Amino acid sequence: MPVRRRAALLASLVLPLALALNGSAAARSEERPPPHATTAVSPELEGFRSPRTYDAVALPVRLRIPAARVDTPLERLGRAADETIALPSGPRMAGWYREGPRPGQPGPAVIIGHVDWDRGPAVFFHLSRLRPGDAVYVHRADTSVARFRVTGVSQVPKSRFPTDQVYAPTLEPSLRLVTCGGSFDRATRNYADNVIVFAVPA
């Protein structure tokens, strides 16, 4: 992908959140209940709650992808006013969507980052160069490391963002890395496409 030394932050990432918030309890954030949910349990139902069947994992704090020259702290991202995922605060740091699974939990953990900015390449500038088998490491707050391997890289128009492929709940842990790509529109200062990296535990 050619170098684009211009302002091109990840504005207008087409990342619908509806499916991300409709998964099982295992695929939801442990930090707070989903909107409109209650933490109260009726006494007569107390004995029927299912025990957690997956291991708790610590918060992700750092991302390393040697083949893409990525070594960055991770911000915890919520949602913007328009209900899309909030963007990382700067071009050199990636962010993990905190309302989805943590890397290593069942379900798709989502990490996003900028591709470039007005002063040059940003944290995910080389993301599109990844190939199946490349290693991805997510370091966690308890010093453990979640290891993933890339299974595929897709470049898709933002107008046809594959919501099901990115957010659909799964029983197995997975990782999605997302940035911008394709042609750059000078008028809107946006890229036309998204680059999505799919990865599974190594």
N, C-alpha and C. Protein backbone atom coordinates (compact mmCIF):
# COMPACT_ATOMS: atom_id res chain seq x y z
N MET A 1 0.84 -1.18 0.00
CA MET A 1 0.00 0.00 0.00
C MET A 1 0.88 1.23 0.00
N PRO A 2 0.71 2.19 -0.92
CA PRO A 2 1.60 3.34 -1.02
C PRO A 2 1.48 4.23 0.20
N VAL A 3 2.57 4.92 0.52
CA VAL A 3 2.58 5.85 1.65
C VAL A 3 1.67 7.02 1.35
N ARG A 4 0.83 7.40 2.28
CA ARG A 4 -0.05 8.54 2.09
C ARG A 4 0.22 9.51 3.23
N ARG A 5 1.05 10.46 3.01
CA ARG A 5 1.43 11.40 4.06
C ARG A 5 0.42 12.54 4.07
N ARG A 6 -0.70 12.28 4.60
CA ARG A 6 -1.77 13.26 4.68
C ARG A 6 -2.64 12.93 5.87
N ALA A 7 -3.48 13.87 6.27
CA ALA A 7 -4.36 13.60 7.41
C ALA A 7 -5.39 12.58 6.99
N ALA A 8 -5.33 11.43 7.65
CA ALA A 8 -6.27 10.36 7.28
C ALA A 8 -6.51 9.47 8.48
N LEU A 9 -7.08 10.02 9.52
CA LEU A 9 -7.38 9.21 10.68
C LEU A 9 -8.56 8.32 10.37
N LEU A 10 -8.89 7.46 11.27
CA LEU A 10 -9.88 6.43 11.00
C LEU A 10 -11.31 6.94 11.12
N ALA A 11 -11.57 8.18 10.69
CA ALA A 11 -12.94 8.69 10.77
C ALA A 11 -13.86 7.83 9.94
N SER A 12 -15.06 7.67 10.45
CA SER A 12 -16.11 6.93 9.74
C SER A 12 -15.80 5.46 9.55
N LEU A 13 -15.09 4.85 10.50
CA LEU A 13 -14.95 3.40 10.43
C LEU A 13 -16.33 2.78 10.45
N VAL A 14 -16.60 1.94 9.48
CA VAL A 14 -17.92 1.32 9.42
C VAL A 14 -17.89 0.06 10.27
N LEU A 15 -18.14 0.26 11.57
CA LEU A 15 -18.08 -0.86 12.50
C LEU A 15 -19.38 -0.92 13.29
N PRO A 16 -20.45 -1.43 12.72
CA PRO A 16 -21.73 -1.50 13.45
C PRO A 16 -21.58 -2.33 14.70
N LEU A 17 -22.29 -1.91 15.75
CA LEU A 17 -22.11 -2.56 17.04
C LEU A 17 -23.27 -3.45 17.43
N ALA A 18 -24.31 -3.51 16.65
CA ALA A 18 -25.48 -4.27 17.07
C ALA A 18 -25.15 -5.73 17.34
N LEU A 19 -24.45 -6.38 16.39
CA LEU A 19 -24.14 -7.79 16.60
C LEU A 19 -23.13 -7.98 17.70
N ALA A 20 -22.27 -6.99 17.88
CA ALA A 20 -21.27 -7.12 18.94
C ALA A 20 -21.92 -7.17 20.31
N LEU A 21 -23.10 -6.55 20.42
CA LEU A 21 -23.75 -6.48 21.72
C LEU A 21 -24.84 -7.52 21.90
N ASN A 22 -25.01 -8.41 20.92
CA ASN A 22 -26.07 -9.39 20.99
C ASN A 22 -25.58 -10.80 21.24
N GLY A 23 -24.31 -10.97 21.62
CA GLY A 23 -23.75 -12.30 21.84
C GLY A 23 -24.10 -12.82 23.22
N SER A 24 -23.51 -13.97 23.54
CA SER A 24 -23.74 -14.59 24.84
C SER A 24 -23.03 -13.80 25.92
N ALA A 25 -23.29 -14.16 27.18
CA ALA A 25 -22.66 -13.46 28.29
C ALA A 25 -21.16 -13.61 28.22
N ALA A 26 -20.65 -14.71 27.67
CA ALA A 26 -19.21 -14.92 27.58
C ALA A 26 -18.58 -13.94 26.65
N ALA A 27 -19.34 -13.39 25.69
CA ALA A 27 -18.78 -12.47 24.71
C ALA A 27 -18.98 -11.03 25.10
N ARG A 28 -19.50 -10.75 26.30
CA ARG A 28 -19.72 -9.39 26.74
C ARG A 28 -18.59 -8.95 27.66
N SER A 29 -18.46 -7.63 27.82
CA SER A 29 -17.44 -7.10 28.69
C SER A 29 -17.71 -7.50 30.12
N GLU A 30 -16.65 -7.76 30.89
CA GLU A 30 -16.81 -8.07 32.31
C GLU A 30 -16.85 -6.79 33.13
N GLU A 31 -16.60 -5.64 32.50
CA GLU A 31 -16.48 -4.42 33.27
C GLU A 31 -17.83 -3.82 33.65
N ARG A 32 -18.88 -4.05 32.83
CA ARG A 32 -20.18 -3.53 33.15
C ARG A 32 -21.23 -4.32 32.40
N PRO A 33 -22.49 -4.34 32.89
CA PRO A 33 -23.53 -5.10 32.20
C PRO A 33 -23.92 -4.41 30.91
N PRO A 34 -24.52 -5.14 29.96
CA PRO A 34 -24.95 -4.53 28.72
C PRO A 34 -26.05 -3.53 28.98
N PRO A 35 -26.31 -2.58 28.02
CA PRO A 35 -27.35 -1.58 28.22
C PRO A 35 -28.68 -2.22 28.57
N HIS A 36 -29.39 -1.59 29.52
CA HIS A 36 -30.73 -2.00 29.94
C HIS A 36 -30.73 -3.35 30.68
N ALA A 37 -29.58 -3.91 30.98
CA ALA A 37 -29.54 -5.18 31.70
C ALA A 37 -29.58 -4.91 33.20
N THR A 38 -29.89 -5.92 33.97
CA THR A 38 -29.88 -5.79 35.41
C THR A 38 -28.98 -6.86 35.99
N THR A 39 -28.35 -6.53 37.10
CA THR A 39 -27.48 -7.52 37.74
C THR A 39 -28.23 -8.29 38.82
N ALA A 40 -29.49 -7.92 39.07
CA ALA A 40 -30.25 -8.61 40.10
C ALA A 40 -30.67 -9.99 39.60
N VAL A 41 -30.72 -10.96 40.53
CA VAL A 41 -31.15 -12.32 40.20
C VAL A 41 -32.30 -12.69 41.12
N SER A 42 -33.39 -13.10 40.53
CA SER A 42 -34.56 -13.50 41.32
C SER A 42 -34.18 -14.68 42.20
N PRO A 43 -34.59 -14.67 43.49
CA PRO A 43 -34.20 -15.76 44.41
C PRO A 43 -34.58 -17.14 43.90
N GLU A 44 -35.76 -17.27 43.29
CA GLU A 44 -36.16 -18.59 42.82
C GLU A 44 -35.35 -19.06 41.63
N LEU A 45 -34.63 -18.17 40.96
CA LEU A 45 -33.82 -18.54 39.81
C LEU A 45 -32.35 -18.71 40.17
N GLU A 46 -32.00 -18.38 41.41
CA GLU A 46 -30.60 -18.39 41.81
C GLU A 46 -29.94 -19.73 41.55
N GLY A 47 -30.61 -20.81 41.77
CA GLY A 47 -30.02 -22.12 41.59
C GLY A 47 -29.91 -22.57 40.15
N PHE A 48 -30.43 -21.76 39.23
CA PHE A 48 -30.42 -22.16 37.83
C PHE A 48 -29.43 -21.36 37.00
N ARG A 49 -28.66 -20.51 37.63
CA ARG A 49 -27.66 -19.77 36.88
C ARG A 49 -26.57 -20.71 36.40
N SER A 50 -26.16 -20.53 35.15
CA SER A 50 -25.10 -21.38 34.61
C SER A 50 -23.75 -20.90 35.13
N PRO A 51 -22.89 -21.81 35.53
CA PRO A 51 -21.55 -21.39 35.95
C PRO A 51 -20.74 -20.94 34.74
N ARG A 52 -19.77 -20.06 34.99
CA ARG A 52 -18.91 -19.63 33.89
C ARG A 52 -18.08 -20.81 33.42
N THR A 53 -18.04 -21.00 32.12
CA THR A 53 -17.34 -22.16 31.56
C THR A 53 -16.08 -21.77 30.80
N TYR A 54 -15.66 -20.51 30.95
CA TYR A 54 -14.43 -20.08 30.30
C TYR A 54 -13.53 -19.42 31.34
N ASP A 55 -12.24 -19.42 31.07
CA ASP A 55 -11.30 -18.83 32.01
C ASP A 55 -11.36 -17.30 31.95
N ALA A 56 -11.33 -16.68 33.12
CA ALA A 56 -11.21 -15.23 33.16
C ALA A 56 -9.80 -14.85 32.70
N VAL A 57 -9.69 -13.78 31.96
CA VAL A 57 -8.38 -13.32 31.51
C VAL A 57 -8.22 -11.85 31.88
N ALA A 58 -6.99 -11.42 32.06
CA ALA A 58 -6.69 -10.04 32.45
C ALA A 58 -6.88 -9.09 31.27
N LEU A 59 -6.94 -7.82 31.57
CA LEU A 59 -7.12 -6.80 30.54
C LEU A 59 -5.91 -6.76 29.60
N PRO A 60 -6.15 -6.55 28.31
CA PRO A 60 -5.03 -6.40 27.36
C PRO A 60 -4.40 -5.02 27.52
N VAL A 61 -3.06 -4.97 27.52
CA VAL A 61 -2.37 -3.70 27.72
C VAL A 61 -1.37 -3.38 26.61
N ARG A 62 -1.01 -4.36 25.80
CA ARG A 62 -0.01 -4.11 24.75
C ARG A 62 -0.21 -5.08 23.60
N LEU A 63 0.08 -4.60 22.38
CA LEU A 63 -0.04 -5.41 21.17
C LEU A 63 1.29 -5.41 20.44
N ARG A 64 1.73 -6.63 20.07
CA ARG A 64 2.95 -6.76 19.26
C ARG A 64 2.67 -7.61 18.03
N ILE A 65 3.07 -7.10 16.87
CA ILE A 65 2.95 -7.85 15.61
C ILE A 65 4.27 -7.67 14.87
N PRO A 66 5.23 -8.55 15.07
CA PRO A 66 6.56 -8.35 14.47
C PRO A 66 6.54 -8.14 12.96
N ALA A 67 5.73 -8.90 12.24
CA ALA A 67 5.73 -8.80 10.78
C ALA A 67 5.15 -7.49 10.27
N ALA A 68 4.41 -6.76 11.12
CA ALA A 68 3.83 -5.47 10.72
C ALA A 68 4.50 -4.31 11.46
N ARG A 69 5.60 -4.60 12.16
CA ARG A 69 6.35 -3.58 12.89
C ARG A 69 5.47 -2.86 13.92
N VAL A 70 4.63 -3.62 14.58
CA VAL A 70 3.72 -3.04 15.58
C VAL A 70 4.19 -3.43 16.97
N ASP A 71 4.34 -2.45 17.83
CA ASP A 71 4.62 -2.65 19.25
C ASP A 71 4.02 -1.45 19.96
N THR A 72 2.81 -1.59 20.48
CA THR A 72 2.07 -0.43 20.96
C THR A 72 1.29 -0.74 22.24
N PRO A 73 1.20 0.22 23.13
CA PRO A 73 0.25 0.07 24.24
C PRO A 73 -1.17 0.05 23.67
N LEU A 74 -2.10 -0.50 24.43
CA LEU A 74 -3.49 -0.56 24.00
C LEU A 74 -4.36 0.33 24.88
N GLU A 75 -5.11 1.21 24.21
CA GLU A 75 -6.15 1.95 24.90
C GLU A 75 -7.39 1.08 25.03
N ARG A 76 -8.25 1.43 25.99
CA ARG A 76 -9.55 0.77 26.10
C ARG A 76 -10.59 1.70 25.48
N LEU A 77 -11.23 1.23 24.41
CA LEU A 77 -12.15 2.07 23.64
C LEU A 77 -13.60 1.72 23.96
N GLY A 78 -14.40 2.76 24.10
CA GLY A 78 -15.84 2.59 24.25
C GLY A 78 -16.53 2.92 22.95
N ARG A 79 -17.68 3.58 23.07
CA ARG A 79 -18.43 3.96 21.88
C ARG A 79 -18.54 5.47 21.76
N ALA A 80 -18.52 5.95 20.52
CA ALA A 80 -18.69 7.37 20.25
C ALA A 80 -20.18 7.73 20.31
N ALA A 81 -20.48 9.01 20.15
CA ALA A 81 -21.86 9.48 20.23
C ALA A 81 -22.75 8.84 19.17
N ASP A 82 -22.16 8.50 18.02
CA ASP A 82 -22.96 7.89 16.94
C ASP A 82 -23.04 6.37 17.05
N GLU A 83 -22.58 5.82 18.20
CA GLU A 83 -22.64 4.39 18.48
C GLU A 83 -21.60 3.56 17.72
N THR A 84 -20.70 4.19 16.98
CA THR A 84 -19.58 3.45 16.42
C THR A 84 -18.50 3.34 17.49
N ILE A 85 -17.50 2.50 17.25
CA ILE A 85 -16.40 2.40 18.19
C ILE A 85 -15.62 3.70 18.21
N ALA A 86 -15.33 4.20 19.40
CA ALA A 86 -14.51 5.39 19.52
C ALA A 86 -13.11 5.11 18.97
N LEU A 87 -12.48 6.14 18.46
CA LEU A 87 -11.17 5.97 17.84
C LEU A 87 -10.05 6.12 18.86
N PRO A 88 -8.90 5.49 18.60
CA PRO A 88 -7.74 5.72 19.48
C PRO A 88 -7.40 7.20 19.54
N SER A 89 -6.85 7.64 20.64
CA SER A 89 -6.60 9.07 20.86
C SER A 89 -5.47 9.62 20.02
N GLY A 90 -4.62 8.75 19.50
CA GLY A 90 -3.51 9.23 18.69
C GLY A 90 -3.14 8.23 17.62
N PRO A 91 -2.30 8.64 16.65
CA PRO A 91 -1.98 7.76 15.53
C PRO A 91 -1.03 6.63 15.85
N ARG A 92 -0.30 6.71 16.94
CA ARG A 92 0.73 5.71 17.23
C ARG A 92 0.29 4.68 18.27
N MET A 93 -0.99 4.70 18.64
CA MET A 93 -1.48 3.76 19.63
C MET A 93 -2.75 3.08 19.13
N ALA A 94 -2.83 1.76 19.29
CA ALA A 94 -4.04 1.02 18.92
C ALA A 94 -4.97 0.96 20.12
N GLY A 95 -6.22 0.55 19.85
CA GLY A 95 -7.20 0.48 20.92
C GLY A 95 -8.02 -0.80 20.86
N TRP A 96 -8.33 -1.35 22.03
CA TRP A 96 -9.16 -2.55 22.14
C TRP A 96 -10.58 -2.13 22.52
N TYR A 97 -11.58 -2.70 21.82
CA TYR A 97 -12.98 -2.39 22.10
C TYR A 97 -13.40 -3.09 23.39
N ARG A 98 -13.55 -2.30 24.44
CA ARG A 98 -13.71 -2.85 25.79
C ARG A 98 -15.08 -3.47 26.05
N GLU A 99 -16.08 -3.23 25.19
CA GLU A 99 -17.39 -3.82 25.40
C GLU A 99 -17.52 -5.19 24.73
N GLY A 100 -16.47 -5.63 24.07
CA GLY A 100 -16.43 -6.96 23.50
C GLY A 100 -15.54 -7.87 24.34
N PRO A 101 -15.29 -9.07 23.87
CA PRO A 101 -14.44 -10.01 24.62
C PRO A 101 -13.01 -9.49 24.78
N ARG A 102 -12.38 -9.91 25.85
CA ARG A 102 -10.95 -9.67 26.00
C ARG A 102 -10.21 -10.71 25.17
N PRO A 103 -9.05 -10.36 24.61
CA PRO A 103 -8.30 -11.36 23.83
C PRO A 103 -8.00 -12.60 24.66
N GLY A 104 -8.44 -13.74 24.15
CA GLY A 104 -8.29 -15.00 24.86
C GLY A 104 -9.60 -15.52 25.42
N GLN A 105 -10.61 -14.66 25.54
CA GLN A 105 -11.94 -15.12 25.92
C GLN A 105 -12.68 -15.63 24.68
N PRO A 106 -13.72 -16.45 24.87
CA PRO A 106 -14.52 -16.86 23.71
C PRO A 106 -15.11 -15.65 23.00
N GLY A 107 -15.10 -15.68 21.70
CA GLY A 107 -15.65 -14.59 20.92
C GLY A 107 -14.57 -13.74 20.27
N PRO A 108 -14.98 -12.83 19.39
CA PRO A 108 -14.02 -12.01 18.65
C PRO A 108 -13.62 -10.74 19.40
N ALA A 109 -12.38 -10.66 19.81
CA ALA A 109 -11.84 -9.43 20.38
C ALA A 109 -11.44 -8.51 19.22
N VAL A 110 -11.77 -7.22 19.33
CA VAL A 110 -11.56 -6.28 18.23
C VAL A 110 -10.57 -5.20 18.66
N ILE A 111 -9.54 -5.00 17.84
CA ILE A 111 -8.53 -3.96 18.06
C ILE A 111 -8.46 -3.12 16.80
N ILE A 112 -8.50 -1.80 16.95
CA ILE A 112 -8.43 -0.91 15.79
C ILE A 112 -7.27 0.07 15.94
N GLY A 113 -6.82 0.61 14.82
CA GLY A 113 -5.73 1.57 14.83
C GLY A 113 -5.73 2.38 13.55
N HIS A 114 -5.09 3.54 13.60
CA HIS A 114 -4.97 4.40 12.42
C HIS A 114 -3.94 3.82 11.45
N VAL A 115 -4.12 4.13 10.17
CA VAL A 115 -3.17 3.67 9.15
C VAL A 115 -2.10 4.73 8.87
N ASP A 116 -2.49 6.01 8.86
CA ASP A 116 -1.51 7.09 8.71
C ASP A 116 -2.12 8.39 9.20
N TRP A 117 -1.33 9.46 9.12
CA TRP A 117 -1.80 10.77 9.53
C TRP A 117 -1.00 11.81 8.76
N ASP A 118 -1.17 13.10 9.09
CA ASP A 118 -0.54 14.15 8.27
C ASP A 118 0.98 14.14 8.36
N ARG A 119 1.55 13.43 9.34
CA ARG A 119 3.01 13.39 9.47
C ARG A 119 3.62 12.07 9.05
N GLY A 120 2.81 11.17 8.48
CA GLY A 120 3.38 9.92 7.99
C GLY A 120 2.62 8.70 8.46
N PRO A 121 3.27 7.53 8.42
CA PRO A 121 2.62 6.27 8.79
C PRO A 121 2.18 6.26 10.26
N ALA A 122 1.07 5.59 10.51
CA ALA A 122 0.58 5.41 11.88
C ALA A 122 0.76 3.95 12.29
N VAL A 123 0.19 3.57 13.43
CA VAL A 123 0.50 2.29 14.07
C VAL A 123 0.16 1.09 13.18
N PHE A 124 -0.91 1.14 12.39
CA PHE A 124 -1.31 0.00 11.57
C PHE A 124 -0.98 0.21 10.09
N PHE A 125 0.04 0.98 9.80
CA PHE A 125 0.40 1.28 8.42
C PHE A 125 0.75 0.01 7.64
N HIS A 126 1.40 -0.95 8.29
CA HIS A 126 1.82 -2.18 7.60
C HIS A 126 0.87 -3.35 7.82
N LEU A 127 -0.32 -3.08 8.35
CA LEU A 127 -1.22 -4.19 8.68
C LEU A 127 -1.60 -5.02 7.44
N SER A 128 -1.77 -4.37 6.31
CA SER A 128 -2.20 -5.10 5.11
C SER A 128 -1.13 -6.05 4.58
N ARG A 129 0.10 -5.93 5.07
CA ARG A 129 1.17 -6.82 4.63
C ARG A 129 1.17 -8.18 5.33
N LEU A 130 0.36 -8.30 6.36
CA LEU A 130 0.35 -9.56 7.10
C LEU A 130 -0.15 -10.70 6.22
N ARG A 131 0.36 -11.89 6.52
CA ARG A 131 0.01 -13.09 5.76
C ARG A 131 -0.37 -14.21 6.72
N PRO A 132 -1.13 -15.19 6.25
CA PRO A 132 -1.48 -16.32 7.12
C PRO A 132 -0.25 -16.93 7.77
N GLY A 133 -0.37 -17.17 9.06
CA GLY A 133 0.74 -17.74 9.82
C GLY A 133 1.52 -16.71 10.61
N ASP A 134 1.43 -15.42 10.26
CA ASP A 134 2.14 -14.39 11.02
C ASP A 134 1.64 -14.35 12.46
N ALA A 135 2.55 -14.04 13.37
CA ALA A 135 2.24 -14.07 14.80
C ALA A 135 1.74 -12.72 15.30
N VAL A 136 0.79 -12.79 16.23
CA VAL A 136 0.25 -11.60 16.91
C VAL A 136 0.27 -11.90 18.40
N TYR A 137 0.80 -10.97 19.19
CA TYR A 137 0.89 -11.17 20.63
C TYR A 137 0.14 -10.06 21.36
N VAL A 138 -0.74 -10.45 22.27
CA VAL A 138 -1.45 -9.48 23.11
C VAL A 138 -0.99 -9.69 24.55
N HIS A 139 -0.29 -8.70 25.08
CA HIS A 139 0.19 -8.76 26.46
C HIS A 139 -0.90 -8.25 27.39
N ARG A 140 -1.05 -8.94 28.54
CA ARG A 140 -2.13 -8.61 29.46
C ARG A 140 -1.59 -8.08 30.78
N ALA A 141 -2.49 -7.50 31.55
CA ALA A 141 -2.09 -6.81 32.78
C ALA A 141 -1.45 -7.72 33.80
N ASP A 142 -1.73 -9.00 33.73
CA ASP A 142 -1.14 -9.93 34.70
C ASP A 142 0.16 -10.55 34.19
N THR A 143 0.74 -10.01 33.15
CA THR A 143 1.98 -10.42 32.48
C THR A 143 1.80 -11.65 31.59
N SER A 144 0.60 -12.20 31.51
CA SER A 144 0.37 -13.31 30.57
C SER A 144 0.31 -12.76 29.14
N VAL A 145 0.48 -13.64 28.16
CA VAL A 145 0.47 -13.24 26.76
C VAL A 145 -0.49 -14.15 25.98
N ALA A 146 -1.42 -13.54 25.27
CA ALA A 146 -2.31 -14.29 24.38
C ALA A 146 -1.66 -14.32 23.00
N ARG A 147 -1.41 -15.52 22.50
CA ARG A 147 -0.71 -15.68 21.22
C ARG A 147 -1.72 -16.07 20.14
N PHE A 148 -1.65 -15.36 19.02
CA PHE A 148 -2.54 -15.62 17.89
C PHE A 148 -1.72 -15.79 16.62
N ARG A 149 -2.33 -16.42 15.62
CA ARG A 149 -1.73 -16.50 14.29
C ARG A 149 -2.75 -16.02 13.27
N VAL A 150 -2.27 -15.28 12.31
CA VAL A 150 -3.13 -14.72 11.28
C VAL A 150 -3.67 -15.84 10.39
N THR A 151 -4.96 -15.78 10.10
CA THR A 151 -5.57 -16.75 9.18
C THR A 151 -5.99 -16.10 7.86
N GLY A 152 -6.11 -14.79 7.84
CA GLY A 152 -6.51 -14.13 6.60
C GLY A 152 -6.52 -12.62 6.75
N VAL A 153 -6.42 -11.94 5.60
CA VAL A 153 -6.47 -10.48 5.55
C VAL A 153 -7.44 -10.09 4.44
N SER A 154 -8.40 -9.23 4.77
CA SER A 154 -9.39 -8.79 3.78
C SER A 154 -9.37 -7.28 3.66
N GLN A 155 -9.60 -6.78 2.45
CA GLN A 155 -9.82 -5.36 2.22
C GLN A 155 -11.20 -5.21 1.61
N VAL A 156 -12.08 -4.49 2.31
CA VAL A 156 -13.48 -4.42 1.90
C VAL A 156 -13.94 -2.97 1.90
N PRO A 157 -14.87 -2.61 1.00
CA PRO A 157 -15.44 -1.26 1.04
C PRO A 157 -16.14 -1.02 2.37
N LYS A 158 -16.02 0.18 2.89
CA LYS A 158 -16.69 0.49 4.15
C LYS A 158 -18.20 0.34 4.03
N SER A 159 -18.72 0.54 2.84
CA SER A 159 -20.15 0.41 2.62
C SER A 159 -20.62 -1.04 2.70
N ARG A 160 -19.67 -1.99 2.62
CA ARG A 160 -20.03 -3.41 2.69
C ARG A 160 -19.23 -4.11 3.80
N PHE A 161 -19.11 -3.43 4.91
CA PHE A 161 -18.35 -3.98 6.02
C PHE A 161 -18.97 -5.31 6.47
N PRO A 162 -18.15 -6.38 6.59
CA PRO A 162 -18.68 -7.72 6.91
C PRO A 162 -18.95 -7.89 8.41
N THR A 163 -20.03 -7.29 8.86
CA THR A 163 -20.35 -7.29 10.29
C THR A 163 -20.38 -8.70 10.87
N ASP A 164 -21.02 -9.62 10.17
CA ASP A 164 -21.13 -11.00 10.68
C ASP A 164 -19.76 -11.62 10.89
N GLN A 165 -18.86 -11.42 9.95
CA GLN A 165 -17.55 -12.04 10.05
C GLN A 165 -16.72 -11.44 11.18
N VAL A 166 -16.94 -10.18 11.48
CA VAL A 166 -16.12 -9.51 12.49
C VAL A 166 -16.69 -9.69 13.89
N TYR A 167 -18.02 -9.60 14.03
CA TYR A 167 -18.61 -9.54 15.36
C TYR A 167 -19.40 -10.77 15.79
N ALA A 168 -19.71 -11.67 14.87
CA ALA A 168 -20.59 -12.79 15.23
C ALA A 168 -20.01 -13.57 16.41
N PRO A 169 -20.81 -13.85 17.45
CA PRO A 169 -20.31 -14.58 18.62
C PRO A 169 -19.80 -15.97 18.24
N THR A 170 -18.74 -16.39 18.87
CA THR A 170 -18.19 -17.72 18.66
C THR A 170 -17.86 -18.35 20.01
N LEU A 171 -17.73 -19.65 20.03
CA LEU A 171 -17.35 -20.34 21.26
C LEU A 171 -15.84 -20.34 21.47
N GLU A 172 -15.11 -20.06 20.41
CA GLU A 172 -13.65 -20.05 20.49
C GLU A 172 -13.11 -18.62 20.48
N PRO A 173 -11.98 -18.38 21.14
CA PRO A 173 -11.37 -17.05 21.09
C PRO A 173 -10.91 -16.72 19.67
N SER A 174 -10.99 -15.46 19.30
CA SER A 174 -10.48 -15.00 18.02
C SER A 174 -10.12 -13.53 18.15
N LEU A 175 -9.43 -13.02 17.14
CA LEU A 175 -8.96 -11.65 17.17
C LEU A 175 -9.22 -11.00 15.82
N ARG A 176 -9.67 -9.74 15.84
CA ARG A 176 -9.88 -8.96 14.63
C ARG A 176 -9.11 -7.65 14.76
N LEU A 177 -8.28 -7.36 13.78
CA LEU A 177 -7.52 -6.11 13.73
C LEU A 177 -8.06 -5.30 12.56
N VAL A 178 -8.40 -4.03 12.78
CA VAL A 178 -9.07 -3.24 11.75
C VAL A 178 -8.40 -1.88 11.59
N THR A 179 -8.21 -1.48 10.32
CA THR A 179 -7.72 -0.15 10.00
C THR A 179 -8.34 0.29 8.68
N CYS A 180 -7.89 1.42 8.16
CA CYS A 180 -8.39 1.91 6.88
C CYS A 180 -7.47 1.47 5.74
N GLY A 181 -7.99 1.55 4.52
CA GLY A 181 -7.20 1.18 3.34
C GLY A 181 -7.89 1.60 2.08
N GLY A 182 -7.30 1.20 0.95
CA GLY A 182 -7.88 1.55 -0.34
C GLY A 182 -7.57 2.97 -0.75
N SER A 183 -8.41 3.52 -1.61
CA SER A 183 -8.18 4.88 -2.13
C SER A 183 -8.56 5.92 -1.08
N PHE A 184 -7.93 7.09 -1.20
CA PHE A 184 -8.14 8.18 -0.25
C PHE A 184 -8.93 9.30 -0.93
N ASP A 185 -10.00 9.73 -0.29
CA ASP A 185 -10.85 10.81 -0.81
C ASP A 185 -10.41 12.12 -0.17
N ARG A 186 -9.81 13.00 -0.97
CA ARG A 186 -9.31 14.26 -0.42
C ARG A 186 -10.44 15.15 0.10
N ALA A 187 -11.60 15.06 -0.52
CA ALA A 187 -12.72 15.91 -0.12
C ALA A 187 -13.24 15.54 1.27
N THR A 188 -13.43 14.25 1.50
CA THR A 188 -13.95 13.80 2.80
C THR A 188 -12.85 13.46 3.79
N ARG A 189 -11.62 13.37 3.28
CA ARG A 189 -10.45 13.00 4.10
C ARG A 189 -10.63 11.63 4.74
N ASN A 190 -11.21 10.74 3.96
CA ASN A 190 -11.42 9.36 4.43
C ASN A 190 -10.93 8.37 3.39
N TYR A 191 -10.58 7.18 3.87
CA TYR A 191 -10.29 6.07 2.97
C TYR A 191 -11.61 5.37 2.60
N ALA A 192 -11.60 4.74 1.45
CA ALA A 192 -12.81 4.07 0.96
C ALA A 192 -13.04 2.71 1.59
N ASP A 193 -11.96 2.07 2.04
CA ASP A 193 -12.06 0.68 2.48
C ASP A 193 -11.61 0.50 3.92
N ASN A 194 -11.86 -0.69 4.43
CA ASN A 194 -11.28 -1.16 5.68
C ASN A 194 -10.40 -2.36 5.40
N VAL A 195 -9.28 -2.46 6.09
CA VAL A 195 -8.44 -3.65 6.08
C VAL A 195 -8.71 -4.40 7.38
N ILE A 196 -9.04 -5.68 7.26
CA ILE A 196 -9.39 -6.50 8.43
C ILE A 196 -8.48 -7.72 8.47
N VAL A 197 -7.82 -7.92 9.58
CA VAL A 197 -6.98 -9.09 9.80
C VAL A 197 -7.72 -10.04 10.75
N PHE A 198 -7.81 -11.30 10.36
CA PHE A 198 -8.44 -12.32 11.16
C PHE A 198 -7.37 -13.21 11.77
N ALA A 199 -7.49 -13.51 13.06
CA ALA A 199 -6.49 -14.34 13.73
C ALA A 199 -7.15 -15.25 14.75
N VAL A 200 -6.52 -16.40 15.00
CA VAL A 200 -7.01 -17.38 15.97
C VAL A 200 -5.87 -17.72 16.91
N PRO A 201 -6.18 -18.33 18.06
CA PRO A 201 -5.10 -18.67 19.01
C PRO A 201 -4.05 -19.56 18.37
N ALA A 202 -2.80 -19.27 18.68
CA ALA A 202 -1.69 -20.04 18.11
C ALA A 202 -1.41 -21.27 18.97
